[in-house]
Structures are given as structure tokens and as C-alpha cells.
Amino acid sequence: MEGMFTSDCLSVTADGRSIGYEGIMVNRMEIGADDYITLGPGESVETRVNLLDGYPLNSEGLYQIFFKGSYGNLP
């Protein structure tokens, strides 16, 4: 869990207008078994990111933010 944006993984709109990703883009090497976290039944993992690190949310308005459904090679 990196705790930072490394790609455009969110769909962000402000008052119906799309807000583009402005954060860093990372090219990764091939993912190996050590790059995954195994969770048992009932376990969870969470992390926090600052939306301002990836998206210019600099005006008042109604924002809608959705996860695009995948992150790297993860579903």
C-alpha cells in the first residue's frame, strides 16, 4: 500500500465537468508474488491518499469521485 497516487485511477468530475489527473505516473516492473498482500477471512487493509496530490480540486462545486475499477494489474 503506497499511500500515494501513481496513476489515474479515479474518475473525478466537478459540476459535471471532468477533472484530469495531474499527479505522477509510474512505470512498473513486472509484479511478483512478493508484491501482493494475502488477507484472511475478515481481514482488511486500508490506506489514505490526498486527492490534491493527483487532481486539481481548486474550486467550489459538487464533486463526484469514483474508483475506475482497476489499479495496475489488480481487478
Protein backbone atom coordinates (compact mmCIF):
# COMPACT_ATOMS: atom_id res chain seq x y z
CA MET A 1 0.00 0.00 0.00
CA GLU A 2 1.75 3.07 -1.25
CA GLY A 3 -0.43 5.83 0.21
CA MET A 4 0.06 7.95 -2.90
CA PHE A 5 -1.24 8.24 -6.44
CA THR A 6 0.91 6.59 -9.08
CA SER A 7 -1.63 6.61 -11.92
CA ASP A 8 -5.02 7.94 -12.97
CA CYS A 9 -7.23 5.51 -11.02
CA LEU A 10 -10.20 7.79 -10.26
CA SER A 11 -12.94 9.37 -12.32
CA VAL A 12 -13.36 12.90 -10.94
CA THR A 13 -15.97 15.46 -12.01
CA ALA A 14 -16.85 18.91 -10.70
CA ASP A 15 -20.36 20.12 -11.51
CA GLY A 16 -20.44 17.56 -14.35
CA ARG A 17 -17.07 18.60 -15.86
CA SER A 18 -14.28 16.04 -15.95
CA ILE A 19 -11.21 16.86 -13.85
CA GLY A 20 -7.98 15.48 -15.34
CA TYR A 21 -5.28 13.65 -13.42
CA GLU A 22 -2.16 15.77 -12.80
CA GLY A 23 -0.20 13.50 -10.47
CA ILE A 24 2.86 11.41 -11.15
CA MET A 25 2.78 8.41 -13.48
CA VAL A 26 4.88 5.39 -12.55
CA ASN A 27 6.08 2.70 -14.93
CA ARG A 28 6.40 -0.54 -13.02
CA MET A 29 8.41 -3.67 -13.47
CA GLU A 30 6.54 -6.95 -13.68
CA ILE A 31 4.64 -7.76 -10.48
CA GLY A 32 5.83 -10.77 -8.49
CA ALA A 33 4.37 -12.81 -5.63
CA ASP A 34 6.08 -10.58 -3.02
CA ASP A 35 4.13 -7.56 -4.31
CA TYR A 36 0.77 -8.90 -3.12
CA ILE A 37 -0.77 -8.88 0.36
CA THR A 38 -2.66 -12.01 1.40
CA LEU A 39 -5.75 -11.33 3.51
CA GLY A 40 -7.51 -13.97 5.51
CA PRO A 41 -11.25 -14.15 6.17
CA GLY A 42 -12.44 -10.98 7.92
CA GLU A 43 -9.12 -9.14 7.43
CA SER A 44 -8.90 -5.78 5.70
CA VAL A 45 -6.31 -3.23 4.66
CA GLU A 46 -6.76 0.48 4.18
CA THR A 47 -4.67 3.45 3.19
CA ARG A 48 -5.28 7.14 2.72
CA VAL A 49 -4.32 9.41 -0.13
CA ASN A 50 -4.63 13.16 -0.53
CA LEU A 51 -6.82 13.85 -3.57
CA LEU A 52 -4.94 17.12 -4.13
CA ASP A 53 -1.78 15.10 -4.89
CA GLY A 54 -3.37 13.87 -8.11
CA TYR A 55 -6.29 16.08 -9.04
CA PRO A 56 -6.70 19.88 -9.14
CA LEU A 57 -9.68 20.36 -6.83
CA ASN A 58 -9.30 24.11 -6.61
CA SER A 59 -12.82 25.47 -6.92
CA GLU A 60 -16.09 25.14 -5.07
CA GLY A 61 -18.66 22.82 -6.55
CA LEU A 62 -20.24 19.41 -6.41
CA TYR A 63 -17.51 16.81 -6.87
CA GLN A 64 -18.13 13.17 -7.75
CA ILE A 65 -15.28 10.72 -7.34
CA PHE A 66 -15.35 7.08 -8.43
CA PHE A 67 -12.70 4.38 -8.49
CA LYS A 68 -12.21 3.33 -12.12
CA GLY A 69 -12.35 -0.35 -11.22
CA SER A 70 -8.73 -1.41 -11.52
CA TYR A 71 -5.33 -0.38 -10.26
CA GLY A 72 -2.28 -1.70 -12.04
CA ASN A 73 -2.82 -5.42 -12.57
CA LEU A 74 -5.45 -5.64 -9.85
CA PRO A 75 -9.16 -6.00 -10.64
